[in-house]
C-alpha atoms as a PDB file:
ATOM      1  CA  MET A   1     -19.065  -8.393  -8.712  1.00  0.00           C
ATOM      2  CA  SER A   2     -18.227  -6.971 -12.152  1.00  0.00           C
ATOM      3  CA  LEU A   3     -15.922  -4.326 -13.613  1.00  0.00           C
ATOM      4  CA  GLU A   4     -16.826  -1.202 -15.495  1.00  0.00           C
ATOM      5  CA  ARG A   5     -16.276  -1.717 -19.216  1.00  0.00           C
ATOM      6  CA  GLU A   6     -13.517   0.889 -19.349  1.00  0.00           C
ATOM      7  CA  THR A   7     -11.644  -0.770 -16.480  1.00  0.00           C
ATOM      8  CA  GLN A   8     -12.042  -4.190 -18.050  1.00  0.00           C
ATOM      9  CA  ASP A   9     -10.620  -2.947 -21.366  1.00  0.00           C
ATOM     10  CA  TRP A  10      -7.671  -1.427 -19.498  1.00  0.00           C
ATOM     11  CA  VAL A  11      -6.995  -4.695 -17.693  1.00  0.00           C
ATOM     12  CA  LEU A  12      -7.140  -6.714 -20.903  1.00  0.00           C
ATOM     13  CA  ALA A  13      -4.796  -4.320 -22.678  1.00  0.00           C
ATOM     14  CA  ALA A  14      -2.291  -4.531 -19.819  1.00  0.00           C
ATOM     15  CA  THR A  15      -2.392  -8.310 -19.447  1.00  0.00           C
ATOM     16  CA  GLY A  16      -3.065  -9.519 -22.997  1.00  0.00           C
ATOM     17  CA  ALA A  17      -5.858 -11.735 -21.673  1.00  0.00           C
ATOM     18  CA  ALA A  18      -8.990 -12.534 -23.648  1.00  0.00           C
ATOM     19  CA  SER A  19     -11.420 -11.687 -20.863  1.00  0.00           C
ATOM     20  CA  VAL A  20     -11.920 -11.260 -17.155  1.00  0.00           C
ATOM     21  CA  ARG A  21     -13.702 -14.406 -16.050  1.00  0.00           C
ATOM     22  CA  THR A  22     -14.516 -13.474 -12.465  1.00  0.00           C
ATOM     23  CA  VAL A  23     -13.842 -10.695  -9.979  1.00  0.00           C
ATOM     24  CA  GLU A  24     -13.138 -11.937  -6.456  1.00  0.00           C
ATOM     25  CA  PRO A  25     -13.317  -9.328  -3.682  1.00  0.00           C
ATOM     26  CA  VAL A  26     -10.289  -9.626  -1.385  1.00  0.00           C
ATOM     27  CA  GLN A  27     -10.864  -6.805   1.104  1.00  0.00           C
ATOM     28  CA  GLN A  28     -12.045  -3.265   1.563  1.00  0.00           C
ATOM     29  CA  LEU A  29      -9.278  -0.701   1.912  1.00  0.00           C
ATOM     30  CA  TRP A  30      -8.827   1.047   5.262  1.00  0.00           C
ATOM     31  CA  SER A  31     -11.614   3.489   6.164  1.00  0.00           C
ATOM     32  CA  GLY A  32     -13.565   2.705   2.991  1.00  0.00           C
ATOM     33  CA  TYR A  33     -11.050   4.212   0.556  1.00  0.00           C
ATOM     34  CA  GLY A  34     -11.531   1.539  -2.081  1.00  0.00           C
ATOM     35  CA  GLN A  35     -11.381  -2.140  -2.850  1.00  0.00           C
ATOM     36  CA  LEU A  36      -8.763  -4.828  -3.394  1.00  0.00           C
ATOM     37  CA  SER A  37      -9.893  -7.481  -5.876  1.00  0.00           C
ATOM     38  CA  ARG A  38      -8.444 -10.564  -7.536  1.00  0.00           C
ATOM     39  CA  LEU A  39      -9.268 -10.765 -11.241  1.00  0.00           C
ATOM     40  CA  HIS A  40      -9.328 -14.251 -12.720  1.00  0.00           C
ATOM     41  CA  LEU A  41      -8.381 -14.065 -16.385  1.00  0.00           C
ATOM     42  CA  ASP A  42      -9.092 -16.111 -19.475  1.00  0.00           C
ATOM     43  CA  ILE A  43      -5.746 -16.134 -21.268  1.00  0.00           C
ATOM     44  CA  GLY A  44      -6.683 -18.608 -23.993  1.00  0.00           C
ATOM     45  CA  ALA A  45      -7.339 -16.246 -26.905  1.00  0.00           C
ATOM     46  CA  GLY A  46      -5.783 -12.973 -25.831  1.00  0.00           C
ATOM     47  CA  THR A  47      -3.352 -10.755 -27.658  1.00  0.00           C
ATOM     48  CA  GLY A  48      -0.326 -12.731 -26.543  1.00  0.00           C
ATOM     49  CA  ALA A  49       1.358  -9.504 -25.477  1.00  0.00           C
ATOM     50  CA  GLY A  50       0.768  -9.809 -21.743  1.00  0.00           C
ATOM     51  CA  THR A  51       2.037 -11.750 -18.754  1.00  0.00           C
ATOM     52  CA  GLY A  52       0.182 -15.023 -19.246  1.00  0.00           C
ATOM     53  CA  ALA A  53      -0.887 -14.879 -15.596  1.00  0.00           C
ATOM     54  CA  ARG A  54      -4.215 -16.442 -14.739  1.00  0.00           C
ATOM     55  CA  SER A  55      -4.967 -13.888 -12.045  1.00  0.00           C
ATOM     56  CA  VAL A  56      -3.948 -10.328 -11.164  1.00  0.00           C
ATOM     57  CA  ILE A  57      -4.707  -7.935  -8.323  1.00  0.00           C
ATOM     58  CA  LEU A  58      -6.609  -4.692  -8.845  1.00  0.00           C
ATOM     59  CA  LYS A  59      -6.231  -2.064  -6.144  1.00  0.00           C
ATOM     60  CA  HIS A  60      -8.935   0.516  -6.774  1.00  0.00           C
ATOM     61  CA  ILE A  61      -8.634   3.658  -4.641  1.00  0.00           C
ATOM     62  CA  ALA A  62     -11.587   6.049  -4.561  1.00  0.00           C
ATOM     63  CA  PRO A  63     -11.808   8.198  -1.396  1.00  0.00           C
ATOM     64  CA  PRO A  64     -15.342   8.287   0.035  1.00  0.00           C
ATOM     65  CA  ALA A  65     -17.432  11.422   0.307  1.00  0.00           C
ATOM     66  CA  ARG A  66     -18.010  10.666   4.005  1.00  0.00           C
ATOM     67  CA  HIS A  67     -15.046   9.468   6.049  1.00  0.00           C
ATOM     68  CA  SER A  68     -15.119   6.829   8.742  1.00  0.00           C
ATOM     69  CA  HIS A  69     -12.487   5.255  10.967  1.00  0.00           C
ATOM     70  CA  PRO A  70     -12.808   2.261  13.302  1.00  0.00           C
ATOM     71  CA  ARG A  71     -11.244   4.263  16.142  1.00  0.00           C
ATOM     72  CA  GLY A  72     -12.846   7.596  15.320  1.00  0.00           C
ATOM     73  CA  TRP A  73      -9.843   9.349  13.718  1.00  0.00           C
ATOM     74  CA  THR A  74     -11.415  11.277  10.856  1.00  0.00           C
ATOM     75  CA  GLY A  75     -10.988  14.766   9.480  1.00  0.00           C
ATOM     76  CA  GLU A  76      -9.140  16.661   6.794  1.00  0.00           C
ATOM     77  CA  ARG A  77      -5.672  15.825   8.106  1.00  0.00           C
ATOM     78  CA  ALA A  78      -6.361  12.086   8.130  1.00  0.00           C
ATOM     79  CA  ASP A  79      -7.899  12.308   4.673  1.00  0.00           C
ATOM     80  CA  ARG A  80      -4.862  14.151   3.281  1.00  0.00           C
ATOM     81  CA  ARG A  81      -2.540  11.552   4.797  1.00  0.00           C
ATOM     82  CA  LYS A  82      -4.428   8.664   3.224  1.00  0.00           C
ATOM     83  CA  ARG A  83      -4.614  10.350  -0.181  1.00  0.00           C
ATOM     84  CA  ARG A  84      -0.907  11.089  -0.019  1.00  0.00           C
ATOM     85  CA  SER A  85      -0.213   7.457   0.913  1.00  0.00           C
ATOM     86  CA  TYR A  86      -1.873   6.174  -2.249  1.00  0.00           C
ATOM     87  CA  ALA A  87       0.015   8.682  -4.400  1.00  0.00           C
ATOM     88  CA  VAL A  88       3.235   7.454  -2.794  1.00  0.00           C
ATOM     89  CA  GLU A  89       2.268   3.851  -3.467  1.00  0.00           C
ATOM     90  CA  ALA A  90       1.668   4.653  -7.139  1.00  0.00           C
ATOM     91  CA  SER A  91       5.104   6.311  -7.280  1.00  0.00           C
ATOM     92  CA  TRP A  92       6.658   3.248  -5.681  1.00  0.00           C
ATOM     93  CA  TYR A  93       5.164   0.894  -8.249  1.00  0.00           C
ATOM     94  CA  ARG A  94       6.490   3.026 -11.081  1.00  0.00           C
ATOM     95  CA  ARG A  95       9.972   1.953 -10.033  1.00  0.00           C
ATOM     96  CA  PRO A  96      11.522  -1.088 -11.724  1.00  0.00           C
ATOM     97  CA  PRO A  97      10.447  -4.329 -10.012  1.00  0.00           C
ATOM     98  CA  PRO A  98      12.980  -6.273  -7.929  1.00  0.00           C
ATOM     99  CA  SER A  99      15.171  -8.873  -9.585  1.00  0.00           C
ATOM    100  CA  SER A 100      14.726 -12.519  -8.687  1.00  0.00           C
ATOM    101  CA  ASP A 101      17.883 -12.559  -6.538  1.00  0.00           C
ATOM    102  CA  ASP A 102      17.123  -9.443  -4.474  1.00  0.00           C
ATOM    103  CA  GLY A 103      15.671 -11.441  -1.599  1.00  0.00           C
ATOM    104  CA  CYS A 104      12.921  -8.884  -0.989  1.00  0.00           C
ATOM    105  CA  PRO A 105      10.199  -9.502  -3.600  1.00  0.00           C
ATOM    106  CA  TRP A 106       7.162  -7.263  -3.968  1.00  0.00           C
ATOM    107  CA  PRO A 107       4.476  -7.156  -6.667  1.00  0.00           C
ATOM    108  CA  HIS A 108       5.334  -6.096 -10.178  1.00  0.00           C
ATOM    109  CA  ALA A 109       2.987  -3.345 -11.382  1.00  0.00           C
ATOM    110  CA  LEU A 110       1.399  -4.268 -14.713  1.00  0.00           C
ATOM    111  CA  ALA A 111      -0.329  -0.913 -15.160  1.00  0.00           C
ATOM    112  CA  ILE A 112      -1.070   2.257 -13.176  1.00  0.00           C
ATOM    113  CA  ARG A 113      -3.550   4.996 -13.885  1.00  0.00           C
ATOM    114  CA  THR A 114      -4.726   8.038 -11.974  1.00  0.00           C
ATOM    115  CA  ALA A 115      -7.611  10.412 -12.601  1.00  0.00           C
ATOM    116  CA  LYS A 116      -8.665  13.145 -10.178  1.00  0.00           C
ATOM    117  CA  ASP A 117      -9.037  11.373  -6.816  1.00  0.00           C
ATOM    118  CA  ARG A 118      -9.003   7.869  -8.255  1.00  0.00           C
ATOM    119  CA  VAL A 119      -5.926   5.628  -8.393  1.00  0.00           C
ATOM    120  CA  GLU A 120      -5.903   2.152  -9.918  1.00  0.00           C
ATOM    121  CA  LEU A 121      -2.989  -0.239  -9.528  1.00  0.00           C
ATOM    122  CA  LEU A 122      -2.946  -3.451 -11.525  1.00  0.00           C
ATOM    123  CA  LEU A 123      -0.467  -5.722  -9.796  1.00  0.00           C
ATOM    124  CA  GLU A 124       1.075  -9.143 -10.069  1.00  0.00           C
ATOM    125  CA  ASP A 125      -0.829 -11.656  -7.941  1.00  0.00           C
ATOM    126  CA  LEU A 126       1.860 -12.707  -5.472  1.00  0.00           C
ATOM    127  CA  ALA A 127      -0.448 -15.312  -3.947  1.00  0.00           C
ATOM    128  CA  ILE A 128       0.393 -17.575  -6.891  1.00  0.00           C
ATOM    129  CA  ALA A 129       3.972 -17.997  -5.650  1.00  0.00           C
ATOM    130  CA  TYR A 130       3.297 -16.995  -2.027  1.00  0.00           C
ATOM    131  CA  PRO A 131      -0.073 -18.519  -1.115  1.00  0.00           C
ATOM    132  CA  GLN A 132       0.300 -18.711   2.666  1.00  0.00           C
ATOM    133  CA  ARG A 133      -1.113 -16.013   4.982  1.00  0.00           C
ATOM    134  CA  PRO A 134      -0.371 -17.276   8.511  1.00  0.00           C
ATOM    135  CA  ALA A 135      -2.516 -15.934  11.321  1.00  0.00           C
ATOM    136  CA  ARG A 136       0.487 -15.471  13.585  1.00  0.00           C
ATOM    137  CA  LEU A 137       4.257 -15.903  13.716  1.00  0.00           C
ATOM    138  CA  ASP A 138       6.530 -17.155  16.462  1.00  0.00           C
ATOM    139  CA  HIS A 139      10.167 -16.444  17.235  1.00  0.00           C
ATOM    140  CA  ARG A 140      11.275 -18.945  14.590  1.00  0.00           C
ATOM    141  CA  SER A 141       8.973 -18.183  11.658  1.00  0.00           C
ATOM    142  CA  ILE A 142       9.455 -14.420  12.020  1.00  0.00           C
ATOM    143  CA  GLU A 143      13.068 -14.870  10.894  1.00  0.00           C
ATOM    144  CA  HIS A 144      11.875 -15.209   7.287  1.00  0.00           C
ATOM    145  CA  CYS A 145      10.521 -11.665   7.562  1.00  0.00           C
ATOM    146  CA  LEU A 146      13.873 -10.546   8.987  1.00  0.00           C
ATOM    147  CA  HIS A 147      15.502 -11.863   5.804  1.00  0.00           C
ATOM    148  CA  TRP A 148      13.139  -9.729   3.721  1.00  0.00           C
ATOM    149  CA  LEU A 149      13.688  -6.596   5.792  1.00  0.00           C
ATOM    150  CA  ALA A 150      17.486  -6.939   5.822  1.00  0.00           C
ATOM    151  CA  ALA A 151      17.538  -7.422   2.051  1.00  0.00           C
ATOM    152  CA  PHE A 152      15.187  -4.492   1.436  1.00  0.00           C
ATOM    153  CA  HIS A 153      17.102  -2.140   3.713  1.00  0.00           C
ATOM    154  CA  ALA A 154      20.490  -3.151   2.303  1.00  0.00           C
ATOM    155  CA  ARG A 155      19.317  -2.848  -1.299  1.00  0.00           C
ATOM    156  CA  HIS A 156      18.005   0.691  -0.719  1.00  0.00           C
ATOM    157  CA  LEU A 157      20.707   2.091   1.547  1.00  0.00           C
ATOM    158  CA  GLY A 158      21.304   5.689   0.482  1.00  0.00           C
ATOM    159  CA  ASP A 159      18.243   5.789  -1.788  1.00  0.00           C
ATOM    160  CA  PRO A 160      16.938   9.394  -1.760  1.00  0.00           C
ATOM    161  CA  GLY A 161      13.347   8.198  -1.912  1.00  0.00           C
ATOM    162  CA  ASP A 162      12.226  10.575  -4.653  1.00  0.00           C
ATOM    163  CA  ALA A 163       8.412  10.996  -4.722  1.00  0.00           C
ATOM    164  CA  LEU A 164       8.070   8.870  -1.564  1.00  0.00           C
ATOM    165  CA  TRP A 165       7.507   9.887   2.060  1.00  0.00           C
ATOM    166  CA  ARG A 166      10.328  12.000   3.451  1.00  0.00           C
ATOM    167  CA  GLN A 167       9.921   9.861   6.557  1.00  0.00           C
ATOM    168  CA  GLY A 168       8.793   6.338   5.858  1.00  0.00           C
ATOM    169  CA  CYS A 169       6.238   4.935   8.344  1.00  0.00           C
ATOM    170  CA  TYR A 170       2.577   5.573   8.870  1.00  0.00           C
ATOM    171  CA  TRP A 171       2.838   7.126  12.336  1.00  0.00           C
ATOM    172  CA  HIS A 172       5.652   9.657  12.060  1.00  0.00           C
ATOM    173  CA  LEU A 173       5.117  12.818  14.046  1.00  0.00           C
ATOM    174  CA  ASP A 174       4.590  15.318  11.220  1.00  0.00           C
ATOM    175  CA  THR A 175       1.453  13.456  10.138  1.00  0.00           C
ATOM    176  CA  ARG A 176       0.094  12.791  13.652  1.00  0.00           C
ATOM    177  CA  PRO A 177      -0.302  16.073  15.577  1.00  0.00           C
ATOM    178  CA  ASP A 178      -3.867  15.186  16.557  1.00  0.00           C
ATOM    179  CA  GLU A 179      -2.745  11.954  18.178  1.00  0.00           C
ATOM    180  CA  LEU A 180       0.043  13.827  19.965  1.00  0.00           C
ATOM    181  CA  ALA A 181      -2.445  16.343  21.318  1.00  0.00           C
ATOM    182  CA  ALA A 182      -4.603  13.479  22.627  1.00  0.00           C
ATOM    183  CA  MET A 183      -1.737  11.970  24.652  1.00  0.00           C
ATOM    184  CA  PRO A 184      -1.715  12.361  28.419  1.00  0.00           C
ATOM    185  CA  GLU A 185       0.826  14.823  29.678  1.00  0.00           C
ATOM    186  CA  GLY A 186       4.102  13.250  30.729  1.00  0.00           C
ATOM    187  CA  PRO A 187       7.728  12.530  29.781  1.00  0.00           C
ATOM    188  CA  LEU A 188       6.896  10.664  26.572  1.00  0.00           C
ATOM    189  CA  LYS A 189       4.718  13.446  25.202  1.00  0.00           C
ATOM    190  CA  ARG A 190       7.326  16.067  26.045  1.00  0.00           C
ATOM    191  CA  ALA A 191      10.013  13.947  24.377  1.00  0.00           C
ATOM    192  CA  ALA A 192       8.054  13.393  21.140  1.00  0.00           C
ATOM    193  CA  PRO A 193       9.912  16.083  19.105  1.00  0.00           C
ATOM    194  CA  LEU A 194      13.263  14.812  20.399  1.00  0.00           C
ATOM    195  CA  LEU A 195      12.459  11.214  19.427  1.00  0.00           C
ATOM    196  CA  ASP A 196      11.408  12.367  15.981  1.00  0.00           C
ATOM    197  CA  ALA A 197      14.536  14.496  15.521  1.00  0.00           C
ATOM    198  CA  ARG A 198      16.776  11.624  16.590  1.00  0.00           C
ATOM    199  CA  LEU A 199      15.178   9.287  14.056  1.00  0.00           C
ATOM    200  CA  ARG A 200      15.723  11.858  11.314  1.00  0.00           C
ATOM    201  CA  ARG A 201      19.394  12.415  12.146  1.00  0.00           C
ATOM    202  CA  LEU A 202      20.949   9.514  10.264  1.00  0.00           C
ATOM    203  CA  ARG A 203      24.387   8.865   8.836  1.00  0.00           C
ATOM    204  CA  HIS A 204      23.057   5.825   7.000  1.00  0.00           C
ATOM    205  CA  PRO A 205      19.477   6.362   5.758  1.00  0.00           C
ATOM    206  CA  THR A 206      17.681   3.724   3.755  1.00  0.00           C
ATOM    207  CA  LEU A 207      14.136   3.147   2.564  1.00  0.00           C
ATOM    208  CA  VAL A 208      11.736   1.535   4.996  1.00  0.00           C
ATOM    209  CA  HIS A 209       8.528  -0.290   4.152  1.00  0.00           C
ATOM    210  CA  GLY A 210       6.673   1.789   6.710  1.00  0.00           C
ATOM    211  CA  ASP A 211       3.970  -0.737   7.663  1.00  0.00           C
ATOM    212  CA  ALA A 212       5.875  -3.981   8.210  1.00  0.00           C
ATOM    213  CA  LYS A 213       3.186  -6.004   9.975  1.00  0.00           C
ATOM    214  CA  LEU A 214       2.239  -9.642   9.445  1.00  0.00           C
ATOM    215  CA  ALA A 215      -0.779  -8.791   7.269  1.00  0.00           C
ATOM    216  CA  ASN A 216       1.573  -7.286   4.679  1.00  0.00           C
ATOM    217  CA  PHE A 217       3.756 -10.390   4.284  1.00  0.00           C
ATOM    218  CA  LEU A 218       2.958 -13.407   2.119  1.00  0.00           C
ATOM    219  CA  PHE A 219       4.701 -16.768   2.526  1.00  0.00           C
ATOM    220  CA  SER A 220       5.610 -19.488   0.056  1.00  0.00           C
ATOM    221  CA  GLU A 221       3.945 -22.894   0.289  1.00  0.00           C
ATOM    222  CA  ASP A 222       6.792 -24.255   2.424  1.00  0.00           C
ATOM    223  CA  GLY A 223       6.914 -21.103   4.551  1.00  0.00           C
ATOM    224  CA  GLU A 224      10.586 -20.517   3.765  1.00  0.00           C
ATOM    225  CA  ARG A 225      10.276 -17.493   1.460  1.00  0.00           C
ATOM    226  CA  VAL A 226       8.518 -14.163   2.020  1.00  0.00           C
ATOM    227  CA  ALA A 227       7.204 -11.345  -0.170  1.00  0.00           C
ATOM    228  CA  ALA A 228       5.698  -8.034   0.926  1.00  0.00           C
ATOM    229  CA  VAL A 229       2.758  -5.914  -0.217  1.00  0.00           C
ATOM    230  CA  ASP A 230       1.202  -2.526   0.622  1.00  0.00           C
ATOM    231  CA  PHE A 231       3.742   0.237   0.022  1.00  0.00           C
ATOM    232  CA  GLN A 232       1.637   3.229   1.038  1.00  0.00           C
ATOM    233  CA  TYR A 233       4.129   4.436   3.628  1.00  0.00           C
ATOM    234  CA  VAL A 234       7.487   3.656   2.052  1.00  0.00           C
ATOM    235  CA  GLY A 235      10.138   6.344   2.454  1.00  0.00           C
ATOM    236  CA  GLN A 236      13.457   7.215   4.039  1.00  0.00           C
ATOM    237  CA  GLY A 237      14.397   6.172   7.541  1.00  0.00           C
ATOM    238  CA  THR A 238      16.298   3.745   9.702  1.00  0.00           C
ATOM    239  CA  GLY A 239      15.765   0.045   9.124  1.00  0.00           C
ATOM    240  CA  THR A 240      15.158  -0.543  12.803  1.00  0.00           C
ATOM    241  CA  ARG A 241      11.866   1.330  12.514  1.00  0.00           C
ATOM    242  CA  ASP A 242      10.484  -1.534  10.405  1.00  0.00           C
ATOM    243  CA  LEU A 243      12.141  -4.044  12.695  1.00  0.00           C
ATOM    244  CA  ALA A 244      10.645  -2.642  15.890  1.00  0.00           C
ATOM    245  CA  TYR A 245       7.173  -2.533  14.363  1.00  0.00           C
ATOM    246  CA  LEU A 246       7.439  -6.082  13.016  1.00  0.00           C
ATOM    247  CA  LEU A 247       8.584  -7.570  16.321  1.00  0.00           C
ATOM    248  CA  GLY A 248       6.048  -5.652  18.372  1.00  0.00           C
ATOM    249  CA  SER A 249       3.132  -6.510  16.109  1.00  0.00           C
ATOM    250  CA  CYS A 250       3.912 -10.230  15.679  1.00  0.00           C
ATOM    251  CA  LEU A 251       5.321 -11.585  18.930  1.00  0.00           C
ATOM    252  CA  THR A 252       3.844 -11.906  22.383  1.00  0.00           C
ATOM    253  CA  GLU A 253       5.398 -10.170  25.342  1.00  0.00           C
ATOM    254  CA  ALA A 254       6.615 -13.527  26.643  1.00  0.00           C
ATOM    255  CA  GLU A 255       8.346 -14.266  23.333  1.00  0.00           C
ATOM    256  CA  LEU A 256       9.889 -10.810  23.206  1.00  0.00           C
ATOM    257  CA  THR A 257      11.191 -11.126  26.739  1.00  0.00           C
ATOM    258  CA  VAL A 258      13.136 -14.260  25.769  1.00  0.00           C
ATOM    259  CA  HIS A 259      13.987 -13.702  22.093  1.00  0.00           C
ATOM    260  CA  HIS A 260      14.101  -9.951  21.451  1.00  0.00           C
ATOM    261  CA  ASP A 261      17.862  -9.438  21.644  1.00  0.00           C
ATOM    262  CA  ARG A 262      18.602 -12.628  19.717  1.00  0.00           C
ATOM    263  CA  LEU A 263      16.344 -11.494  16.879  1.00  0.00           C
ATOM    264  CA  LEU A 264      18.057  -8.101  16.786  1.00  0.00           C
ATOM    265  CA  ASP A 265      21.400  -9.900  16.512  1.00  0.00           C
ATOM    266  CA  ARG A 266      20.018 -12.060  13.710  1.00  0.00           C
ATOM    267  CA  TYR A 267      18.789  -9.046  11.768  1.00  0.00           C
ATOM    268  CA  ASP A 268      22.147  -7.307  12.215  1.00  0.00           C
ATOM    269  CA  ARG A 269      24.027 -10.296  10.778  1.00  0.00           C
ATOM    270  CA  LEU A 270      21.653 -10.548   7.821  1.00  0.00           C
ATOM    271  CA  LEU A 271      21.989  -6.811   7.150  1.00  0.00           C
ATOM    272  CA  VAL A 272      25.790  -6.879   7.260  1.00  0.00           C
ATOM    273  CA  ASP A 273      25.872  -9.895   4.938  1.00  0.00           C
ATOM    274  CA  ARG A 274      23.554  -8.238   2.414  1.00  0.00           C
ATOM    275  CA  LEU A 275      25.493  -4.982   2.492  1.00  0.00           C
ATOM    276  CA  ALA A 276      28.741  -6.865   1.883  1.00  0.00           C
ATOM    277  CA  GLN A 277      27.107  -8.492  -1.142  1.00  0.00           C
ATOM    278  CA  TRP A 278      25.486  -5.425  -2.705  1.00  0.00           C
ATOM    279  CA  GLN A 279      27.308  -2.385  -1.306  1.00  0.00           C
ATOM    280  CA  PRO A 280      30.848  -3.567  -0.495  1.00  0.00           C
ATOM    281  CA  ALA A 281      32.152  -0.006  -0.132  1.00  0.00           C
ATOM    282  CA  VAL A 282      29.854   0.505   2.865  1.00  0.00           C
ATOM    283  CA  ASP A 283      30.927  -0.425   6.395  1.00  0.00           C
ATOM    284  CA  GLY A 284      28.027  -2.731   7.187  1.00  0.00           C
ATOM    285  CA  SER A 285      28.969  -3.029  10.845  1.00  0.00           C
ATOM    286  CA  ALA A 286      28.748   0.760  11.215  1.00  0.00           C
ATOM    287  CA  VAL A 287      25.285   0.775   9.645  1.00  0.00           C
ATOM    288  CA  ALA A 288      24.088  -2.017  11.926  1.00  0.00           C
ATOM    289  CA  ALA A 289      25.549  -0.290  15.001  1.00  0.00           C
ATOM    290  CA  GLU A 290      23.862   3.030  14.199  1.00  0.00           C
ATOM    291  CA  TRP A 291      20.492   1.422  13.684  1.00  0.00           C
ATOM    292  CA  ARG A 292      20.835  -0.838  16.733  1.00  0.00           C
ATOM    293  CA  ALA A 293      21.406   2.206  18.938  1.00  0.00           C
ATOM    294  CA  LEU A 294      18.196   3.712  17.517  1.00  0.00           C
ATOM    295  CA  HIS A 295      16.076   0.632  18.222  1.00  0.00           C
ATOM    296  CA  PRO A 296      14.681   1.826  21.590  1.00  0.00           C
ATOM    297  CA  ILE A 297      14.080   5.254  20.035  1.00  0.00           C
ATOM    298  CA  ALA A 298      12.030   3.718  17.223  1.00  0.00           C
ATOM    299  CA  TRP A 299      10.032   1.619  19.677  1.00  0.00           C
ATOM    300  CA  ALA A 300       9.395   4.634  21.917  1.00  0.00           C
ATOM    301  CA  ASP A 301       8.244   6.659  18.925  1.00  0.00           C
ATOM    302  CA  PHE A 302       5.628   4.021  18.090  1.00  0.00           C
ATOM    303  CA  HIS A 303       4.679   3.874  21.771  1.00  0.00           C
ATOM    304  CA  ARG A 304       4.131   7.650  21.548  1.00  0.00           C
ATOM    305  CA  PHE A 305       1.787   7.221  18.603  1.00  0.00           C
ATOM    306  CA  LEU A 306      -0.245   4.415  20.197  1.00  0.00           C
ATOM    307  CA  SER A 307      -0.585   6.331  23.463  1.00  0.00           C
ATOM    308  CA  GLY A 308      -2.499   9.052  21.649  1.00  0.00           C
ATOM    309  CA  TRP A 309      -4.197   7.007  18.940  1.00  0.00           C
ATOM    310  CA  SER A 310      -5.476   4.135  21.064  1.00  0.00           C
ATOM    311  CA  PRO A 311      -4.815   4.309  24.824  1.00  0.00           C
ATOM    312  CA  GLY A 312      -5.067   0.816  26.260  1.00  0.00           C
ATOM    313  CA  HIS A 313      -3.936  -0.827  22.991  1.00  0.00           C
ATOM    314  CA  ALA A 314      -2.620  -4.379  23.391  1.00  0.00           C
ATOM    315  CA  LYS A 315       0.779  -3.323  22.031  1.00  0.00           C
ATOM    316  CA  LEU A 316       1.328  -0.932  24.943  1.00  0.00           C
ATOM    317  CA  THR A 317       3.073  -3.672  26.900  1.00  0.00           C
ATOM    318  CA  ARG A 318       5.595  -3.779  29.715  1.00  0.00           C
ATOM    319  CA  HIS A 319       8.244  -4.692  27.130  1.00  0.00           C
ATOM    320  CA  ALA A 320       7.357  -1.591  25.111  1.00  0.00           C
ATOM    321  CA  GLN A 321       7.478   0.530  28.253  1.00  0.00           C
ATOM    322  CA  ARG A 322      10.936  -0.807  29.170  1.00  0.00           C
ATOM    323  CA  LEU A 323      12.297   0.132  25.743  1.00  0.00           C
ATOM    324  CA  THR A 324      10.560   3.504  25.927  1.00  0.00           C
ATOM    325  CA  ASP A 325      12.202   4.158  29.294  1.00  0.00           C
ATOM    326  CA  GLN A 326      15.585   3.233  27.762  1.00  0.00           C
ATOM    327  CA  ALA A 327      14.990   5.688  24.932  1.00  0.00           C
ATOM    328  CA  LEU A 328      14.000   8.531  27.240  1.00  0.00           C
ATOM    329  CA  HIS A 329      17.048   7.886  29.412  1.00  0.00           C
ATOM    330  CA  ALA A 330      19.312   7.893  26.318  1.00  0.00           C
ATOM    331  CA  LEU A 331      17.839  11.186  25.130  1.00  0.00           C
ATOM    332  CA  HIS A 332      18.449  12.876  28.459  1.00  0.00           C
ATOM    333  CA  ALA A 333      21.900  11.308  28.851  1.00  0.00           C
ATOM    334  CA  GLY A 334      22.891  12.519  25.372  1.00  0.00           C
END
């Protein structure tokens, strides 16, 4: 695989490298919207003005003329959502990168360019410092992701999220009316607007990653440190929305049955500690309590999305149904 000459010149100017030695395909973007590649650089005789990194990541977004989706969800609305997600990601990477002591690292953007429908992000290759991509997590290893989420949510508490999603997360109701229409009639479908309204009504909003699944976390060699990638759906919300999605996507029902509440407690303690460190004027316990009360609501909201998007999905478990029932009861009781 090779780069167009114009793209190669752009990469060399941004990195100060002498040449691009090889282009390694990493993966196709969802629904054929582009390509993620690792560029191996020759830094020996470059300009000396760049990063000195031996590899960088190029995220090349070019929406296809014909749309496809592995579960059949195509159309203008889905296309607009995906295009918007890449514009949001470009806006995110225009922000200053995290400092080394933030506890929630993400890639530093070396260069960004947009032209018509095309977006190109040239990013730090986090796999250099975080080379591990585990196939699954258990109730112990997932705690490293809890550290990242608590740090990210504490760092961005009160952030207005300019140029990001007004609601961070890839399934929020405003962007998923087709999936709502496909749901079977019942209490959850009728409650969908109420769940959405409750998640919007926050005293303590923060920024959420919006797609906090295992595939978007990278681990250090020893597995003790975590970084995150893929910020297409970052925006305002409650931190428990990321937390519910992470737990539900990583752990088995048996693990959740035993460890769910303990992991919520662990996240709460990490969040309060981080808020005390970075935002001492904030009552961290009040933030944690508000978000904890919203945890079943966040889980039920994702359950709502899956019920329309993919009936019979493996994540539609008894544990998810129990939390959904709690949320519906809380809505009616309130």
